Amino acid sequence: MPTYDYECDACGHLFELFQGINDPLKRKCPECKKLKLRRLFGTGAAILFKGSGFYETDYRSDSYKSDAKKASSAEKKSKAGASSSKKSTKNSDSKPSSSGNSSDKGSDSKS
C-alpha cells in the first residue's frame, strides 16, 4: 500500500497517510476538522523486487537485447584490434633481452 501526502487548504497542515490504492480520498483535516483536504502529487516510489530471481535485465525488450549484443561484439572487436597493434609496436620498438631478469638489463648497458 502506498503512502500519500495530504495538505489542508484551510490550516496548511501537511501529513502522510498510508492507504490502499482503492481507498477513497480523505477529505476531512485531522487538525482543523474542515473539509479542505487535498492529496498532493508526489514523485512516487518505484517497485523494487528483492530476493533471488528478480533482476533488472529480466524484463528487457528483444530489441534492447539485440542492440546490446551488437554493441558488445563491436566493442570486443575494437579492443582485439587495438591490443594486436600495441603488441606489434611494442615488439618492434624494444630490444629482445636474453633473459627476463631485470638485473641483466643494467649489465647490458655497460658492455
N, C-alpha and C. Protein backbone atom coordinates (compact mmCIF):
# COMPACT_ATOMS: atom_id res chain seq x y z
N MET A 1 0.84 -1.18 0.00
CA MET A 1 0.00 0.00 0.00
C MET A 1 0.88 1.24 0.00
N PRO A 2 0.52 2.21 -0.82
CA PRO A 2 1.34 3.43 -0.93
C PRO A 2 1.06 4.44 0.19
N THR A 3 2.00 5.34 0.31
CA THR A 3 1.87 6.45 1.26
C THR A 3 1.55 7.71 0.46
N TYR A 4 0.51 8.41 0.85
CA TYR A 4 0.09 9.63 0.16
C TYR A 4 0.33 10.85 1.04
N ASP A 5 0.67 11.96 0.41
CA ASP A 5 0.83 13.24 1.11
C ASP A 5 -0.48 14.02 0.98
N TYR A 6 -0.90 14.59 2.08
CA TYR A 6 -2.11 15.41 2.11
C TYR A 6 -1.76 16.78 2.68
N GLU A 7 -2.52 17.81 2.23
CA GLU A 7 -2.37 19.17 2.74
C GLU A 7 -3.75 19.78 2.91
N CYS A 8 -3.92 20.46 4.02
CA CYS A 8 -5.18 21.15 4.28
C CYS A 8 -5.06 22.57 3.74
N ASP A 9 -6.00 22.98 2.91
CA ASP A 9 -6.00 24.34 2.36
C ASP A 9 -6.44 25.37 3.39
N ALA A 10 -7.14 24.94 4.42
CA ALA A 10 -7.62 25.87 5.45
C ALA A 10 -6.53 26.21 6.46
N CYS A 11 -5.87 25.20 7.03
CA CYS A 11 -4.89 25.47 8.09
C CYS A 11 -3.44 25.21 7.66
N GLY A 12 -3.25 24.60 6.49
CA GLY A 12 -1.90 24.36 6.00
C GLY A 12 -1.22 23.13 6.57
N HIS A 13 -1.97 22.30 7.29
CA HIS A 13 -1.42 21.09 7.91
C HIS A 13 -0.99 20.09 6.81
N LEU A 14 0.27 19.61 6.91
CA LEU A 14 0.81 18.61 6.00
C LEU A 14 0.99 17.29 6.74
N PHE A 15 0.60 16.19 6.11
CA PHE A 15 0.83 14.88 6.71
C PHE A 15 0.82 13.80 5.64
N GLU A 16 1.32 12.64 6.03
CA GLU A 16 1.35 11.48 5.14
C GLU A 16 0.34 10.47 5.66
N LEU A 17 -0.28 9.77 4.71
CA LEU A 17 -1.27 8.77 5.09
C LEU A 17 -1.01 7.49 4.31
N PHE A 18 -0.92 6.39 5.01
CA PHE A 18 -0.69 5.08 4.43
C PHE A 18 -2.05 4.47 4.13
N GLN A 19 -2.42 4.39 2.85
CA GLN A 19 -3.72 3.87 2.49
C GLN A 19 -3.65 3.12 1.17
N GLY A 20 -4.60 2.25 0.95
CA GLY A 20 -4.65 1.44 -0.26
C GLY A 20 -5.00 2.28 -1.48
N ILE A 21 -4.69 1.73 -2.64
CA ILE A 21 -4.95 2.44 -3.89
C ILE A 21 -6.45 2.66 -4.10
N ASN A 22 -7.25 1.68 -3.74
CA ASN A 22 -8.70 1.75 -3.96
C ASN A 22 -9.45 2.43 -2.82
N ASP A 23 -8.75 2.83 -1.78
CA ASP A 23 -9.41 3.54 -0.67
C ASP A 23 -9.86 4.92 -1.13
N PRO A 24 -11.00 5.41 -0.61
CA PRO A 24 -11.46 6.75 -1.01
C PRO A 24 -10.52 7.83 -0.48
N LEU A 25 -10.49 8.97 -1.17
CA LEU A 25 -9.66 10.10 -0.74
C LEU A 25 -10.15 10.62 0.60
N LYS A 26 -9.22 11.01 1.43
CA LYS A 26 -9.56 11.59 2.73
C LYS A 26 -9.93 13.05 2.47
N ARG A 27 -11.01 13.53 3.07
CA ARG A 27 -11.49 14.88 2.80
C ARG A 27 -11.41 15.78 4.02
N LYS A 28 -11.44 15.20 5.23
CA LYS A 28 -11.52 15.99 6.45
C LYS A 28 -10.15 16.09 7.10
N CYS A 29 -9.71 17.30 7.40
CA CYS A 29 -8.41 17.55 8.03
C CYS A 29 -8.44 17.06 9.48
N PRO A 30 -7.42 16.29 9.90
CA PRO A 30 -7.41 15.82 11.29
C PRO A 30 -7.11 16.93 12.30
N GLU A 31 -6.57 18.07 11.87
CA GLU A 31 -6.24 19.17 12.78
C GLU A 31 -7.42 20.13 12.97
N CYS A 32 -7.91 20.71 11.86
CA CYS A 32 -8.95 21.73 11.98
C CYS A 32 -10.36 21.18 11.71
N LYS A 33 -10.46 19.94 11.28
CA LYS A 33 -11.74 19.24 11.03
C LYS A 33 -12.56 19.85 9.91
N LYS A 34 -11.93 20.64 9.02
CA LYS A 34 -12.64 21.21 7.88
C LYS A 34 -12.47 20.30 6.66
N LEU A 35 -13.38 20.42 5.72
CA LEU A 35 -13.34 19.60 4.51
C LEU A 35 -12.52 20.28 3.41
N LYS A 36 -11.31 20.69 3.74
CA LYS A 36 -10.45 21.39 2.79
C LYS A 36 -9.17 20.60 2.50
N LEU A 37 -9.19 19.31 2.67
CA LEU A 37 -8.02 18.48 2.50
C LEU A 37 -7.85 18.08 1.03
N ARG A 38 -6.63 18.11 0.56
CA ARG A 38 -6.36 17.65 -0.81
C ARG A 38 -5.10 16.79 -0.83
N ARG A 39 -5.15 15.81 -1.71
CA ARG A 39 -4.00 14.91 -1.84
C ARG A 39 -3.00 15.53 -2.80
N LEU A 40 -1.72 15.53 -2.42
CA LEU A 40 -0.66 16.11 -3.24
C LEU A 40 -0.09 15.06 -4.18
N PHE A 41 0.40 15.53 -5.30
CA PHE A 41 1.07 14.63 -6.25
C PHE A 41 2.52 14.50 -5.81
N GLY A 42 2.92 13.29 -5.54
CA GLY A 42 4.29 13.03 -5.13
C GLY A 42 5.07 12.41 -6.28
N THR A 43 6.34 12.20 -6.01
CA THR A 43 7.17 11.57 -7.03
C THR A 43 6.88 10.10 -7.13
N GLY A 44 6.31 9.52 -6.11
CA GLY A 44 6.00 8.11 -6.13
C GLY A 44 7.23 7.28 -5.86
N ALA A 45 7.02 6.03 -5.71
CA ALA A 45 8.13 5.12 -5.45
C ALA A 45 8.13 4.05 -6.52
N ALA A 46 9.30 3.68 -6.96
CA ALA A 46 9.41 2.62 -7.95
C ALA A 46 9.22 1.27 -7.26
N ILE A 47 8.73 0.33 -8.02
CA ILE A 47 8.58 -1.01 -7.48
C ILE A 47 9.93 -1.69 -7.56
N LEU A 48 10.36 -2.24 -6.46
CA LEU A 48 11.65 -2.91 -6.40
C LEU A 48 11.44 -4.30 -5.84
N PHE A 49 11.70 -5.30 -6.68
CA PHE A 49 11.58 -6.68 -6.24
C PHE A 49 12.90 -7.10 -5.65
N LYS A 50 12.89 -7.60 -4.44
CA LYS A 50 14.12 -8.03 -3.78
C LYS A 50 14.11 -9.55 -3.64
N GLY A 51 15.29 -10.09 -3.64
CA GLY A 51 15.44 -11.52 -3.46
C GLY A 51 16.02 -12.16 -4.71
N SER A 52 16.33 -13.43 -4.59
CA SER A 52 16.90 -14.12 -5.74
C SER A 52 15.81 -14.36 -6.77
N GLY A 53 16.15 -14.24 -8.02
CA GLY A 53 15.19 -14.47 -9.09
C GLY A 53 14.62 -13.22 -9.71
N PHE A 54 14.89 -12.06 -9.14
CA PHE A 54 14.41 -10.81 -9.72
C PHE A 54 15.60 -9.98 -10.16
N TYR A 55 15.74 -9.77 -11.44
CA TYR A 55 16.84 -8.99 -11.97
C TYR A 55 16.28 -7.87 -12.84
N GLU A 56 16.97 -6.75 -12.87
CA GLU A 56 16.53 -5.62 -13.68
C GLU A 56 16.49 -5.98 -15.16
N THR A 57 17.40 -6.83 -15.59
CA THR A 57 17.51 -7.15 -17.01
C THR A 57 16.55 -8.25 -17.44
N ASP A 58 15.78 -8.82 -16.53
CA ASP A 58 14.85 -9.88 -16.89
C ASP A 58 13.73 -9.39 -17.81
N TYR A 59 13.39 -8.14 -17.72
CA TYR A 59 12.23 -7.63 -18.43
C TYR A 59 12.60 -6.73 -19.60
N ARG A 60 13.82 -6.87 -20.12
CA ARG A 60 14.24 -6.07 -21.27
C ARG A 60 13.53 -6.54 -22.53
N SER A 61 13.31 -5.61 -23.47
CA SER A 61 12.67 -5.98 -24.73
C SER A 61 13.68 -6.69 -25.63
N ASP A 62 13.17 -7.40 -26.62
CA ASP A 62 14.04 -8.14 -27.54
C ASP A 62 14.93 -7.20 -28.34
N SER A 63 14.42 -6.03 -28.72
CA SER A 63 15.22 -5.08 -29.50
C SER A 63 16.37 -4.54 -28.66
N TYR A 64 16.14 -4.32 -27.37
CA TYR A 64 17.21 -3.85 -26.49
C TYR A 64 18.30 -4.91 -26.37
N LYS A 65 17.89 -6.16 -26.20
CA LYS A 65 18.86 -7.25 -26.07
C LYS A 65 19.70 -7.40 -27.33
N SER A 66 19.07 -7.31 -28.52
CA SER A 66 19.83 -7.46 -29.76
C SER A 66 20.78 -6.28 -29.97
N ASP A 67 20.36 -5.07 -29.63
CA ASP A 67 21.25 -3.90 -29.75
C ASP A 67 22.42 -4.00 -28.79
N ALA A 68 22.18 -4.48 -27.60
CA ALA A 68 23.25 -4.63 -26.61
C ALA A 68 24.25 -5.69 -27.06
N LYS A 69 23.76 -6.75 -27.67
CA LYS A 69 24.65 -7.80 -28.15
C LYS A 69 25.53 -7.28 -29.29
N LYS A 70 24.96 -6.49 -30.19
CA LYS A 70 25.73 -5.91 -31.29
C LYS A 70 26.80 -4.97 -30.76
N ALA A 71 26.43 -4.15 -29.79
CA ALA A 71 27.38 -3.19 -29.22
C ALA A 71 28.53 -3.89 -28.51
N SER A 72 28.23 -4.95 -27.78
CA SER A 72 29.29 -5.65 -27.06
C SER A 72 30.21 -6.38 -28.02
N SER A 73 29.69 -6.94 -29.11
CA SER A 73 30.55 -7.63 -30.07
C SER A 73 31.42 -6.63 -30.82
N ALA A 74 30.90 -5.45 -31.13
CA ALA A 74 31.70 -4.42 -31.79
C ALA A 74 32.79 -3.91 -30.86
N GLU A 75 32.48 -3.80 -29.59
CA GLU A 75 33.48 -3.34 -28.60
C GLU A 75 34.60 -4.36 -28.45
N LYS A 76 34.25 -5.64 -28.46
CA LYS A 76 35.26 -6.69 -28.35
C LYS A 76 36.19 -6.68 -29.56
N LYS A 77 35.62 -6.46 -30.74
CA LYS A 77 36.43 -6.42 -31.96
C LYS A 77 37.39 -5.24 -31.94
N SER A 78 36.92 -4.09 -31.48
CA SER A 78 37.79 -2.91 -31.44
C SER A 78 38.90 -3.07 -30.41
N LYS A 79 38.61 -3.71 -29.29
CA LYS A 79 39.64 -3.96 -28.28
C LYS A 79 40.67 -4.96 -28.79
N ALA A 80 40.21 -5.99 -29.50
CA ALA A 80 41.13 -7.00 -30.03
C ALA A 80 42.05 -6.39 -31.07
N GLY A 81 41.54 -5.52 -31.92
CA GLY A 81 42.36 -4.85 -32.93
C GLY A 81 43.36 -3.91 -32.31
N ALA A 82 42.97 -3.21 -31.27
CA ALA A 82 43.87 -2.27 -30.60
C ALA A 82 44.98 -3.01 -29.86
N SER A 83 44.67 -4.13 -29.23
CA SER A 83 45.69 -4.86 -28.47
C SER A 83 46.69 -5.52 -29.40
N SER A 84 46.28 -6.00 -30.58
CA SER A 84 47.22 -6.62 -31.51
C SER A 84 48.15 -5.56 -32.12
N SER A 85 47.66 -4.36 -32.36
CA SER A 85 48.53 -3.31 -32.90
C SER A 85 49.52 -2.83 -31.85
N LYS A 86 49.12 -2.83 -30.56
CA LYS A 86 50.04 -2.46 -29.49
C LYS A 86 51.15 -3.49 -29.36
N LYS A 87 50.81 -4.76 -29.51
CA LYS A 87 51.81 -5.82 -29.40
C LYS A 87 52.85 -5.71 -30.50
N SER A 88 52.41 -5.44 -31.72
CA SER A 88 53.36 -5.35 -32.83
C SER A 88 54.25 -4.12 -32.68
N THR A 89 53.71 -3.02 -32.18
CA THR A 89 54.50 -1.82 -31.95
C THR A 89 55.50 -2.05 -30.83
N LYS A 90 55.09 -2.73 -29.81
CA LYS A 90 55.95 -2.98 -28.66
C LYS A 90 57.12 -3.88 -29.05
N ASN A 91 56.88 -4.87 -29.85
CA ASN A 91 57.94 -5.79 -30.26
C ASN A 91 58.95 -5.12 -31.18
N SER A 92 58.53 -4.22 -32.04
CA SER A 92 59.46 -3.57 -32.96
C SER A 92 60.27 -2.48 -32.27
N ASP A 93 59.75 -1.84 -31.23
CA ASP A 93 60.44 -0.75 -30.56
C ASP A 93 61.45 -1.23 -29.52
N SER A 94 61.19 -2.35 -28.88
CA SER A 94 62.05 -2.78 -27.79
C SER A 94 63.05 -3.82 -28.26
N LYS A 95 64.19 -3.88 -27.55
CA LYS A 95 65.22 -4.87 -27.86
C LYS A 95 64.88 -6.17 -27.16
N PRO A 96 65.06 -7.28 -27.80
CA PRO A 96 64.84 -8.54 -27.10
C PRO A 96 65.97 -8.78 -26.12
N SER A 97 65.63 -9.18 -24.93
CA SER A 97 66.66 -9.44 -23.93
C SER A 97 66.92 -10.93 -23.88
N SER A 98 68.11 -11.30 -23.45
CA SER A 98 68.48 -12.71 -23.40
C SER A 98 67.72 -13.43 -22.31
N SER A 99 67.40 -12.74 -21.23
CA SER A 99 66.57 -13.34 -20.17
C SER A 99 65.62 -12.27 -19.65
N GLY A 100 64.60 -12.70 -18.93
CA GLY A 100 63.60 -11.76 -18.41
C GLY A 100 64.03 -11.13 -17.11
N ASN A 101 65.26 -11.27 -16.68
CA ASN A 101 65.73 -10.76 -15.41
C ASN A 101 65.99 -9.27 -15.50
N SER A 102 65.55 -8.49 -14.55
CA SER A 102 65.72 -7.03 -14.60
C SER A 102 67.17 -6.63 -14.29
N SER A 103 67.92 -7.47 -13.57
CA SER A 103 69.32 -7.13 -13.25
C SER A 103 70.20 -7.25 -14.47
N ASP A 104 69.82 -8.06 -15.45
CA ASP A 104 70.60 -8.19 -16.69
C ASP A 104 70.50 -6.96 -17.57
N LYS A 105 69.37 -6.23 -17.46
CA LYS A 105 69.19 -5.04 -18.30
C LYS A 105 70.22 -3.98 -17.95
N GLY A 106 70.58 -3.85 -16.69
CA GLY A 106 71.58 -2.87 -16.27
C GLY A 106 72.97 -3.27 -16.72
N SER A 107 73.26 -4.55 -16.78
CA SER A 107 74.59 -5.00 -17.19
C SER A 107 74.78 -4.91 -18.70
N ASP A 108 73.67 -4.90 -19.49
CA ASP A 108 73.77 -4.78 -20.95
C ASP A 108 74.26 -3.41 -21.36
N SER A 109 73.94 -2.37 -20.60
CA SER A 109 74.33 -1.03 -20.97
C SER A 109 75.82 -0.80 -20.79
N LYS A 110 76.51 -1.53 -19.92
CA LYS A 110 77.94 -1.35 -19.68
C LYS A 110 78.78 -2.04 -20.77
N SER A 111 78.32 -3.09 -21.37
CA SER A 111 79.14 -3.81 -22.34
C SER A 111 78.92 -3.41 -23.77
